[in-house]
Amino acid sequence: MKLLPKLPRENARSYAIRVLMYNIQTLQLPPGSSISENELSAALSLSRTPIREALIELSRMDLVEIIPQRGSYVTKISYERIEESKFLRLVVEVAVLKLACQQGISQEYLDALETNLNAQRQCAQTDESENFLSLDDDFHKLLFQAVNKSRTYDVVKRICCNLTACALFPPLRA
C-alpha cells in the first residue's frame, strides 16, 4: 500500500479515505483483498476510529465491503456497474462540453486546461501513469468548473470511481 502525505488541515478521517481510495483505484489494494483496521491504523499512524469511519464511507461508495465478524474487503469489480459509470460519464461530459461551446470558457480556464494537457503529454512520454491519471482527473474537474458545474463533477466522480472504474478504463472523451 502506498502512503500519501497528509494535506494541511486534512482531518484523520478524510486522510484515511483519500489514502484508501487512492490505493483501491490504483489497484495497490486489489479487488477482494482484505483490509485490516489494525494494520491501517499502524501504517497511517491514526487511531482505529477514523479508519473505521473511512471504511464505512468507502462502503457507501461501493469500494469496500464490510462483513460483520469477518472483516473488510475491497469490493470486487462489477462490469455492469462499470458500464453504468461509463454511460453516466459519457452523457454528463458531453453535456458539459456542449455548455462550454455555447457559453464559452474564460481565458483563465483555457490556460489551465492547456497547461494540464501539456503536463499529461509529458507524463505519457515518460510513462508516469499515476501522475497521468491524476492530471486527467484534474482536466475533467477544470472542464466542469469552467461551466460552473463543480457539484455535478463531485457527484459523477463519486459514482464513476467506484469499483476502480477510473483505474481500469480511460476517461471518456466526447
N, C-alpha and C. Protein backbone atom coordinates (compact mmCIF):
# COMPACT_ATOMS: atom_id res chain seq x y z
N MET A 1 0.85 -1.18 0.00
CA MET A 1 0.00 0.00 0.00
C MET A 1 0.89 1.24 0.00
N LYS A 2 0.52 2.19 -0.82
CA LYS A 2 1.29 3.43 -0.90
C LYS A 2 0.69 4.45 0.07
N LEU A 3 1.54 5.03 0.90
CA LEU A 3 1.11 6.06 1.83
C LEU A 3 1.29 7.42 1.17
N LEU A 4 0.32 8.27 1.34
CA LEU A 4 0.36 9.62 0.78
C LEU A 4 0.61 10.62 1.91
N PRO A 5 1.23 11.74 1.58
CA PRO A 5 1.42 12.75 2.63
C PRO A 5 0.08 13.35 3.05
N LYS A 6 -0.05 13.63 4.32
CA LYS A 6 -1.27 14.26 4.82
C LYS A 6 -1.28 15.71 4.38
N LEU A 7 -2.43 16.16 3.90
CA LEU A 7 -2.57 17.53 3.43
C LEU A 7 -2.80 18.47 4.62
N PRO A 8 -2.40 19.73 4.46
CA PRO A 8 -2.65 20.70 5.54
C PRO A 8 -4.15 20.78 5.84
N ARG A 9 -4.49 20.82 7.09
CA ARG A 9 -5.87 20.93 7.58
C ARG A 9 -6.75 19.74 7.20
N GLU A 10 -6.16 18.63 6.79
CA GLU A 10 -6.92 17.43 6.48
C GLU A 10 -7.13 16.64 7.77
N ASN A 11 -8.40 16.33 8.08
CA ASN A 11 -8.63 15.56 9.30
C ASN A 11 -8.29 14.09 9.07
N ALA A 12 -8.22 13.34 10.16
CA ALA A 12 -7.78 11.94 10.10
C ALA A 12 -8.70 11.09 9.23
N ARG A 13 -9.99 11.29 9.34
CA ARG A 13 -10.96 10.51 8.54
C ARG A 13 -10.77 10.78 7.05
N SER A 14 -10.68 12.04 6.67
CA SER A 14 -10.51 12.40 5.26
C SER A 14 -9.20 11.86 4.71
N TYR A 15 -8.16 11.93 5.52
CA TYR A 15 -6.86 11.39 5.11
C TYR A 15 -6.96 9.89 4.86
N ALA A 16 -7.58 9.17 5.77
CA ALA A 16 -7.73 7.72 5.62
C ALA A 16 -8.55 7.39 4.37
N ILE A 17 -9.61 8.13 4.13
CA ILE A 17 -10.43 7.91 2.93
C ILE A 17 -9.59 8.14 1.68
N ARG A 18 -8.85 9.24 1.65
CA ARG A 18 -8.06 9.58 0.46
C ARG A 18 -6.99 8.52 0.18
N VAL A 19 -6.30 8.07 1.22
CA VAL A 19 -5.25 7.07 1.04
C VAL A 19 -5.85 5.74 0.57
N LEU A 20 -6.92 5.33 1.22
CA LEU A 20 -7.56 4.07 0.83
C LEU A 20 -8.12 4.14 -0.59
N MET A 21 -8.79 5.23 -0.90
CA MET A 21 -9.36 5.38 -2.25
C MET A 21 -8.26 5.35 -3.30
N TYR A 22 -7.18 6.05 -3.04
CA TYR A 22 -6.05 6.05 -3.98
C TYR A 22 -5.54 4.63 -4.21
N ASN A 23 -5.34 3.90 -3.13
CA ASN A 23 -4.79 2.55 -3.23
C ASN A 23 -5.76 1.57 -3.88
N ILE A 24 -7.04 1.78 -3.69
CA ILE A 24 -8.04 0.94 -4.35
C ILE A 24 -8.08 1.27 -5.84
N GLN A 25 -8.13 2.54 -6.18
CA GLN A 25 -8.25 2.95 -7.58
C GLN A 25 -7.00 2.64 -8.40
N THR A 26 -5.86 2.60 -7.76
CA THR A 26 -4.63 2.27 -8.50
C THR A 26 -4.28 0.79 -8.37
N LEU A 27 -5.20 0.03 -7.78
CA LEU A 27 -5.06 -1.42 -7.62
C LEU A 27 -3.90 -1.83 -6.73
N GLN A 28 -3.40 -0.89 -5.90
CA GLN A 28 -2.43 -1.27 -4.87
C GLN A 28 -3.12 -2.20 -3.87
N LEU A 29 -4.41 -1.96 -3.65
CA LEU A 29 -5.27 -2.86 -2.88
C LEU A 29 -6.22 -3.48 -3.91
N PRO A 30 -5.91 -4.67 -4.40
CA PRO A 30 -6.71 -5.26 -5.49
C PRO A 30 -8.10 -5.70 -5.02
N PRO A 31 -9.03 -5.83 -5.96
CA PRO A 31 -10.38 -6.30 -5.63
C PRO A 31 -10.32 -7.63 -4.87
N GLY A 32 -11.11 -7.70 -3.80
CA GLY A 32 -11.17 -8.91 -3.00
C GLY A 32 -10.17 -8.95 -1.86
N SER A 33 -9.20 -8.03 -1.85
CA SER A 33 -8.18 -8.08 -0.79
C SER A 33 -8.77 -7.64 0.55
N SER A 34 -8.22 -8.23 1.60
CA SER A 34 -8.65 -7.95 2.96
C SER A 34 -8.04 -6.63 3.43
N ILE A 35 -8.80 -5.88 4.22
CA ILE A 35 -8.33 -4.62 4.78
C ILE A 35 -8.39 -4.75 6.30
N SER A 36 -7.27 -4.65 6.95
CA SER A 36 -7.19 -4.77 8.40
C SER A 36 -7.20 -3.37 9.04
N GLU A 37 -8.17 -3.14 9.92
CA GLU A 37 -8.21 -1.86 10.64
C GLU A 37 -6.94 -1.64 11.45
N ASN A 38 -6.46 -2.70 12.10
CA ASN A 38 -5.26 -2.57 12.92
C ASN A 38 -4.04 -2.22 12.08
N GLU A 39 -3.86 -2.90 10.95
CA GLU A 39 -2.71 -2.62 10.08
C GLU A 39 -2.79 -1.22 9.50
N LEU A 40 -4.00 -0.81 9.08
CA LEU A 40 -4.16 0.56 8.55
C LEU A 40 -3.88 1.59 9.62
N SER A 41 -4.38 1.34 10.80
CA SER A 41 -4.16 2.26 11.92
C SER A 41 -2.67 2.46 12.16
N ALA A 42 -1.92 1.38 12.16
CA ALA A 42 -0.47 1.46 12.39
C ALA A 42 0.22 2.14 11.21
N ALA A 43 -0.14 1.76 9.98
CA ALA A 43 0.52 2.30 8.78
C ALA A 43 0.28 3.80 8.63
N LEU A 44 -0.94 4.25 8.95
CA LEU A 44 -1.28 5.67 8.78
C LEU A 44 -1.06 6.48 10.05
N SER A 45 -0.64 5.83 11.11
CA SER A 45 -0.45 6.48 12.42
C SER A 45 -1.72 7.20 12.87
N LEU A 46 -2.83 6.47 12.77
CA LEU A 46 -4.13 7.00 13.18
C LEU A 46 -4.78 6.01 14.13
N SER A 47 -5.71 6.51 14.94
CA SER A 47 -6.46 5.59 15.79
C SER A 47 -7.43 4.80 14.92
N ARG A 48 -8.04 3.78 15.49
CA ARG A 48 -8.94 2.93 14.71
C ARG A 48 -10.25 3.64 14.36
N THR A 49 -10.65 4.64 15.13
CA THR A 49 -11.93 5.31 14.86
C THR A 49 -11.96 5.96 13.48
N PRO A 50 -10.98 6.80 13.08
CA PRO A 50 -11.05 7.37 11.73
C PRO A 50 -10.90 6.30 10.64
N ILE A 51 -10.19 5.23 10.93
CA ILE A 51 -10.06 4.14 9.97
C ILE A 51 -11.43 3.49 9.76
N ARG A 52 -12.10 3.19 10.85
CA ARG A 52 -13.44 2.58 10.79
C ARG A 52 -14.41 3.50 10.05
N GLU A 53 -14.36 4.81 10.37
CA GLU A 53 -15.24 5.78 9.69
C GLU A 53 -14.93 5.83 8.19
N ALA A 54 -13.66 5.76 7.83
CA ALA A 54 -13.27 5.77 6.42
C ALA A 54 -13.79 4.53 5.72
N LEU A 55 -13.68 3.38 6.36
CA LEU A 55 -14.17 2.14 5.76
C LEU A 55 -15.68 2.19 5.56
N ILE A 56 -16.39 2.75 6.52
CA ILE A 56 -17.85 2.89 6.39
C ILE A 56 -18.19 3.79 5.21
N GLU A 57 -17.48 4.91 5.10
CA GLU A 57 -17.72 5.83 3.97
C GLU A 57 -17.41 5.14 2.63
N LEU A 58 -16.32 4.41 2.57
CA LEU A 58 -15.95 3.72 1.34
C LEU A 58 -16.93 2.59 1.02
N SER A 59 -17.55 2.02 2.04
CA SER A 59 -18.57 1.00 1.78
C SER A 59 -19.82 1.65 1.17
N ARG A 60 -20.13 2.87 1.57
CA ARG A 60 -21.25 3.61 0.96
C ARG A 60 -20.99 3.90 -0.52
N MET A 61 -19.70 4.00 -0.86
CA MET A 61 -19.32 4.27 -2.25
C MET A 61 -19.10 2.96 -3.03
N ASP A 62 -19.38 1.83 -2.39
CA ASP A 62 -19.21 0.50 -3.00
C ASP A 62 -17.76 0.18 -3.34
N LEU A 63 -16.83 0.79 -2.62
CA LEU A 63 -15.42 0.46 -2.81
C LEU A 63 -14.95 -0.60 -1.82
N VAL A 64 -15.64 -0.69 -0.70
CA VAL A 64 -15.28 -1.63 0.35
C VAL A 64 -16.55 -2.36 0.79
N GLU A 65 -16.39 -3.65 1.09
CA GLU A 65 -17.48 -4.44 1.65
C GLU A 65 -17.11 -4.78 3.08
N ILE A 66 -17.99 -4.45 4.01
CA ILE A 66 -17.77 -4.74 5.42
C ILE A 66 -18.67 -5.92 5.79
N ILE A 67 -18.04 -6.99 6.24
CA ILE A 67 -18.79 -8.18 6.66
C ILE A 67 -18.60 -8.32 8.17
N PRO A 68 -19.68 -8.10 8.94
CA PRO A 68 -19.56 -8.18 10.40
C PRO A 68 -18.96 -9.51 10.85
N GLN A 69 -18.11 -9.43 11.84
CA GLN A 69 -17.42 -10.58 12.43
C GLN A 69 -16.43 -11.26 11.48
N ARG A 70 -16.25 -10.76 10.27
CA ARG A 70 -15.32 -11.39 9.32
C ARG A 70 -14.26 -10.42 8.84
N GLY A 71 -14.62 -9.16 8.62
CA GLY A 71 -13.64 -8.19 8.17
C GLY A 71 -14.13 -7.30 7.04
N SER A 72 -13.21 -6.51 6.52
CA SER A 72 -13.50 -5.59 5.42
C SER A 72 -12.66 -5.99 4.23
N TYR A 73 -13.25 -5.85 3.05
CA TYR A 73 -12.61 -6.29 1.81
C TYR A 73 -12.83 -5.26 0.72
N VAL A 74 -11.86 -5.14 -0.16
CA VAL A 74 -12.04 -4.29 -1.34
C VAL A 74 -13.10 -4.97 -2.21
N THR A 75 -14.08 -4.19 -2.63
CA THR A 75 -15.17 -4.73 -3.44
C THR A 75 -14.63 -5.27 -4.76
N LYS A 76 -15.19 -6.39 -5.16
CA LYS A 76 -14.81 -6.97 -6.45
C LYS A 76 -15.43 -6.13 -7.56
N ILE A 77 -14.79 -6.16 -8.70
CA ILE A 77 -15.22 -5.34 -9.83
C ILE A 77 -16.51 -5.88 -10.42
N SER A 78 -17.46 -4.99 -10.63
CA SER A 78 -18.73 -5.33 -11.26
C SER A 78 -18.75 -4.66 -12.64
N TYR A 79 -18.69 -5.47 -13.68
CA TYR A 79 -18.66 -4.90 -15.03
C TYR A 79 -19.96 -4.19 -15.38
N GLU A 80 -21.06 -4.63 -14.79
CA GLU A 80 -22.34 -3.95 -15.00
C GLU A 80 -22.28 -2.53 -14.46
N ARG A 81 -21.70 -2.37 -13.25
CA ARG A 81 -21.58 -1.03 -12.67
C ARG A 81 -20.58 -0.17 -13.43
N ILE A 82 -19.54 -0.80 -13.96
CA ILE A 82 -18.58 -0.05 -14.76
C ILE A 82 -19.26 0.48 -16.02
N GLU A 83 -20.05 -0.35 -16.66
CA GLU A 83 -20.77 0.09 -17.86
C GLU A 83 -21.72 1.24 -17.53
N GLU A 84 -22.37 1.15 -16.38
CA GLU A 84 -23.27 2.23 -15.97
C GLU A 84 -22.49 3.51 -15.69
N SER A 85 -21.33 3.38 -15.08
CA SER A 85 -20.48 4.54 -14.81
C SER A 85 -20.02 5.18 -16.12
N LYS A 86 -19.62 4.34 -17.06
CA LYS A 86 -19.18 4.86 -18.37
C LYS A 86 -20.33 5.62 -19.05
N PHE A 87 -21.52 5.07 -18.96
CA PHE A 87 -22.69 5.72 -19.55
C PHE A 87 -22.92 7.10 -18.92
N LEU A 88 -22.88 7.13 -17.59
CA LEU A 88 -23.09 8.41 -16.89
C LEU A 88 -22.05 9.44 -17.31
N ARG A 89 -20.79 9.04 -17.34
CA ARG A 89 -19.73 9.98 -17.74
C ARG A 89 -19.94 10.47 -19.15
N LEU A 90 -20.28 9.58 -20.05
CA LEU A 90 -20.49 9.96 -21.44
C LEU A 90 -21.59 11.01 -21.55
N VAL A 91 -22.72 10.75 -20.93
CA VAL A 91 -23.86 11.66 -21.02
C VAL A 91 -23.54 13.01 -20.39
N VAL A 92 -23.00 13.00 -19.19
CA VAL A 92 -22.75 14.25 -18.47
C VAL A 92 -21.60 15.03 -19.10
N GLU A 93 -20.52 14.36 -19.48
CA GLU A 93 -19.38 15.08 -20.05
C GLU A 93 -19.72 15.68 -21.42
N VAL A 94 -20.53 15.01 -22.19
CA VAL A 94 -20.96 15.59 -23.47
C VAL A 94 -21.78 16.85 -23.20
N ALA A 95 -22.65 16.80 -22.19
CA ALA A 95 -23.45 17.98 -21.83
C ALA A 95 -22.55 19.12 -21.36
N VAL A 96 -21.52 18.81 -20.60
CA VAL A 96 -20.59 19.84 -20.13
C VAL A 96 -19.85 20.47 -21.31
N LEU A 97 -19.43 19.65 -22.24
CA LEU A 97 -18.74 20.18 -23.43
C LEU A 97 -19.67 21.05 -24.28
N LYS A 98 -20.93 20.66 -24.39
CA LYS A 98 -21.91 21.50 -25.12
C LYS A 98 -22.06 22.85 -24.44
N LEU A 99 -22.16 22.83 -23.10
CA LEU A 99 -22.24 24.09 -22.35
C LEU A 99 -21.00 24.94 -22.60
N ALA A 100 -19.84 24.31 -22.58
CA ALA A 100 -18.59 25.04 -22.80
C ALA A 100 -18.59 25.69 -24.18
N CYS A 101 -19.09 24.99 -25.18
CA CYS A 101 -19.14 25.54 -26.55
C CYS A 101 -20.17 26.66 -26.65
N GLN A 102 -21.30 26.51 -25.97
CA GLN A 102 -22.37 27.51 -26.04
C GLN A 102 -22.02 28.80 -25.28
N GLN A 103 -21.51 28.66 -24.07
CA GLN A 103 -21.25 29.85 -23.27
C GLN A 103 -19.80 30.28 -23.26
N GLY A 104 -18.92 29.45 -23.80
CA GLY A 104 -17.51 29.78 -23.83
C GLY A 104 -16.82 29.50 -22.51
N ILE A 105 -15.50 29.50 -22.55
CA ILE A 105 -14.68 29.25 -21.36
C ILE A 105 -13.74 30.44 -21.20
N SER A 106 -13.60 30.91 -19.98
CA SER A 106 -12.73 32.06 -19.73
C SER A 106 -11.29 31.70 -20.09
N GLN A 107 -10.50 32.74 -20.37
CA GLN A 107 -9.09 32.54 -20.72
C GLN A 107 -8.33 31.85 -19.58
N GLU A 108 -8.71 32.16 -18.36
CA GLU A 108 -8.07 31.54 -17.20
C GLU A 108 -8.22 30.01 -17.26
N TYR A 109 -9.42 29.54 -17.56
CA TYR A 109 -9.63 28.09 -17.65
C TYR A 109 -8.99 27.51 -18.91
N LEU A 110 -9.03 28.24 -20.01
CA LEU A 110 -8.36 27.74 -21.22
C LEU A 110 -6.86 27.55 -20.98
N ASP A 111 -6.26 28.51 -20.29
CA ASP A 111 -4.82 28.40 -19.97
C ASP A 111 -4.56 27.21 -19.05
N ALA A 112 -5.41 27.04 -18.04
CA ALA A 112 -5.24 25.93 -17.10
C ALA A 112 -5.41 24.58 -17.81
N LEU A 113 -6.37 24.50 -18.72
CA LEU A 113 -6.59 23.26 -19.48
C LEU A 113 -5.40 22.96 -20.38
N GLU A 114 -4.87 24.00 -21.02
CA GLU A 114 -3.71 23.80 -21.90
C GLU A 114 -2.48 23.37 -21.10
N THR A 115 -2.26 24.00 -19.96
CA THR A 115 -1.15 23.61 -19.09
C THR A 115 -1.29 22.15 -18.65
N ASN A 116 -2.51 21.78 -18.30
CA ASN A 116 -2.78 20.41 -17.88
C ASN A 116 -2.50 19.42 -19.01
N LEU A 117 -2.96 19.73 -20.22
CA LEU A 117 -2.73 18.83 -21.35
C LEU A 117 -1.24 18.68 -21.65
N ASN A 118 -0.50 19.76 -21.53
CA ASN A 118 0.95 19.68 -21.75
C ASN A 118 1.61 18.77 -20.70
N ALA A 119 1.15 18.89 -19.47
CA ALA A 119 1.69 18.03 -18.40
C ALA A 119 1.30 16.57 -18.66
N GLN A 120 0.08 16.34 -19.16
CA GLN A 120 -0.34 14.97 -19.49
C GLN A 120 0.54 14.39 -20.61
N ARG A 121 0.83 15.21 -21.61
CA ARG A 121 1.70 14.74 -22.70
C ARG A 121 3.07 14.34 -22.16
N GLN A 122 3.59 15.14 -21.25
CA GLN A 122 4.90 14.85 -20.65
C GLN A 122 4.85 13.53 -19.89
N CYS A 123 3.78 13.33 -19.12
CA CYS A 123 3.64 12.08 -18.37
C CYS A 123 3.50 10.88 -19.31
N ALA A 124 2.80 11.06 -20.41
CA ALA A 124 2.63 9.97 -21.37
C ALA A 124 3.97 9.59 -21.99
N GLN A 125 4.80 10.57 -22.25
CA GLN A 125 6.11 10.30 -22.85
C GLN A 125 7.06 9.62 -21.87
N THR A 126 6.92 9.92 -20.58
CA THR A 126 7.82 9.35 -19.58
C THR A 126 7.17 8.18 -18.84
N ASP A 127 6.01 7.75 -19.30
CA ASP A 127 5.30 6.59 -18.74
C ASP A 127 5.02 6.76 -17.25
N GLU A 128 4.54 7.93 -16.85
CA GLU A 128 4.16 8.20 -15.46
C GLU A 128 2.65 8.04 -15.34
N SER A 129 2.18 6.80 -15.29
CA SER A 129 0.74 6.55 -15.34
C SER A 129 -0.02 7.12 -14.15
N GLU A 130 0.56 7.06 -12.95
CA GLU A 130 -0.16 7.60 -11.78
C GLU A 130 -0.35 9.11 -11.91
N ASN A 131 0.69 9.82 -12.29
CA ASN A 131 0.56 11.27 -12.48
C ASN A 131 -0.38 11.59 -13.63
N PHE A 132 -0.32 10.78 -14.68
CA PHE A 132 -1.19 11.00 -15.82
C PHE A 132 -2.65 10.90 -15.40
N LEU A 133 -3.00 9.86 -14.64
CA LEU A 133 -4.39 9.70 -14.20
C LEU A 133 -4.84 10.86 -13.32
N SER A 134 -3.96 11.31 -12.45
CA SER A 134 -4.29 12.45 -11.59
C SER A 134 -4.50 13.72 -12.42
N LEU A 135 -3.62 13.94 -13.39
CA LEU A 135 -3.76 15.11 -14.26
C LEU A 135 -5.03 15.03 -15.11
N ASP A 136 -5.35 13.83 -15.59
CA ASP A 136 -6.55 13.66 -16.39
C ASP A 136 -7.79 13.96 -15.55
N ASP A 137 -7.78 13.51 -14.30
CA ASP A 137 -8.88 13.80 -13.40
C ASP A 137 -9.00 15.32 -13.20
N ASP A 138 -7.86 15.98 -13.00
CA ASP A 138 -7.86 17.44 -12.85
C ASP A 138 -8.40 18.14 -14.10
N PHE A 139 -8.08 17.59 -15.27
CA PHE A 139 -8.56 18.16 -16.54
C PHE A 139 -10.08 18.16 -16.56
N HIS A 140 -10.67 17.01 -16.22
CA HIS A 140 -12.13 16.91 -16.23
C HIS A 140 -12.76 17.84 -15.20
N LYS A 141 -12.12 17.91 -14.04
CA LYS A 141 -12.62 18.81 -12.99
C LYS A 141 -12.59 20.27 -13.48
N LEU A 142 -11.52 20.65 -14.15
CA LEU A 142 -11.42 22.01 -14.70
C LEU A 142 -12.54 22.29 -15.70
N LEU A 143 -12.86 21.31 -16.54
CA LEU A 143 -13.94 21.50 -17.51
C LEU A 143 -15.27 21.77 -16.81
N PHE A 144 -15.56 20.98 -15.79
CA PHE A 144 -16.81 21.18 -15.05
C PHE A 144 -16.79 22.54 -14.35
N GLN A 145 -15.66 22.92 -13.77
CA GLN A 145 -15.55 24.21 -13.09
C GLN A 145 -15.73 25.36 -14.09
N ALA A 146 -15.22 25.18 -15.29
CA ALA A 146 -15.27 26.23 -16.30
C ALA A 146 -16.70 26.60 -16.68
N VAL A 147 -17.63 25.64 -16.52
CA VAL A 147 -19.03 25.92 -16.83
C VAL A 147 -19.89 25.94 -15.57
N ASN A 148 -19.22 26.16 -14.43
CA ASN A 148 -19.90 26.32 -13.14
C ASN A 148 -20.72 25.08 -12.75
N LYS A 149 -20.13 23.90 -12.92
CA LYS A 149 -20.81 22.64 -12.58
C LYS A 149 -19.93 21.78 -11.66
N SER A 150 -19.32 22.41 -10.68
CA SER A 150 -18.42 21.70 -9.76
C SER A 150 -19.14 20.63 -8.95
N ARG A 151 -20.34 20.93 -8.48
CA ARG A 151 -21.07 19.93 -7.69
C ARG A 151 -21.45 18.73 -8.56
N THR A 152 -21.76 18.98 -9.81
CA THR A 152 -22.07 17.88 -10.73
C THR A 152 -20.84 17.00 -10.89
N TYR A 153 -19.68 17.63 -11.01
CA TYR A 153 -18.43 16.86 -11.10
C TYR A 153 -18.26 15.96 -9.88
N ASP A 154 -18.51 16.53 -8.69
CA ASP A 154 -18.35 15.75 -7.46
C ASP A 154 -19.25 14.51 -7.46
N VAL A 155 -20.48 14.66 -7.94
CA VAL A 155 -21.42 13.53 -7.99
C VAL A 155 -20.92 12.49 -8.99
N VAL A 156 -20.53 12.92 -10.17
CA VAL A 156 -20.03 12.00 -11.19
C VAL A 156 -18.78 11.29 -10.70
N LYS A 157 -17.90 12.01 -10.07
CA LYS A 157 -16.66 11.43 -9.55
C LYS A 157 -16.95 10.34 -8.53
N ARG A 158 -17.87 10.62 -7.61
CA ARG A 158 -18.22 9.64 -6.58
C ARG A 158 -18.79 8.36 -7.21
N ILE A 159 -19.65 8.51 -8.18
CA ILE A 159 -20.29 7.35 -8.79
C ILE A 159 -19.33 6.61 -9.72
N CYS A 160 -18.60 7.35 -10.51
CA CYS A 160 -17.79 6.73 -11.55
C CYS A 160 -16.48 6.15 -11.05
N CYS A 161 -16.02 6.54 -9.93
CA CYS A 161 -14.75 6.00 -9.45
C CYS A 161 -14.94 4.84 -8.50
N ASN A 162 -16.16 4.33 -8.41
CA ASN A 162 -16.31 3.14 -7.58
C ASN A 162 -15.81 1.94 -8.36
N LEU A 163 -15.48 0.90 -7.64
CA LEU A 163 -15.05 -0.36 -8.24
C LEU A 163 -13.88 -0.20 -9.19
N THR A 164 -13.02 0.74 -8.93
CA THR A 164 -11.81 1.02 -9.70
C THR A 164 -12.09 1.29 -11.18
N ALA A 165 -13.29 1.76 -11.50
CA ALA A 165 -13.63 2.02 -12.90
C ALA A 165 -12.68 3.03 -13.54
N CYS A 166 -12.28 4.04 -12.78
CA CYS A 166 -11.40 5.05 -13.36
C CYS A 166 -10.00 4.51 -13.60
N ALA A 167 -9.57 3.55 -12.80
CA ALA A 167 -8.23 2.98 -12.99
C ALA A 167 -8.20 1.98 -14.12
N LEU A 168 -9.35 1.35 -14.41
CA LEU A 168 -9.37 0.30 -15.42
C LEU A 168 -9.65 0.81 -16.83
N PHE A 169 -10.41 1.89 -16.92
CA PHE A 169 -10.81 2.38 -18.23
C PHE A 169 -10.40 3.82 -18.40
N PRO A 170 -9.90 4.19 -19.56
CA PRO A 170 -9.54 5.59 -19.76
C PRO A 170 -10.76 6.46 -19.71
N PRO A 171 -10.61 7.69 -19.23
CA PRO A 171 -11.74 8.61 -19.20
C PRO A 171 -12.33 8.81 -20.58
N LEU A 172 -13.63 9.00 -20.63
CA LEU A 172 -14.31 9.17 -21.91
C LEU A 172 -14.04 10.55 -22.48
N ARG A 173 -13.86 10.62 -23.73
CA ARG A 173 -13.69 11.90 -24.42
C ARG A 173 -14.81 12.03 -25.43
N ALA A 174 -15.42 13.17 -25.46
CA ALA A 174 -16.51 13.41 -26.43
C ALA A 174 -15.95 13.76 -27.78
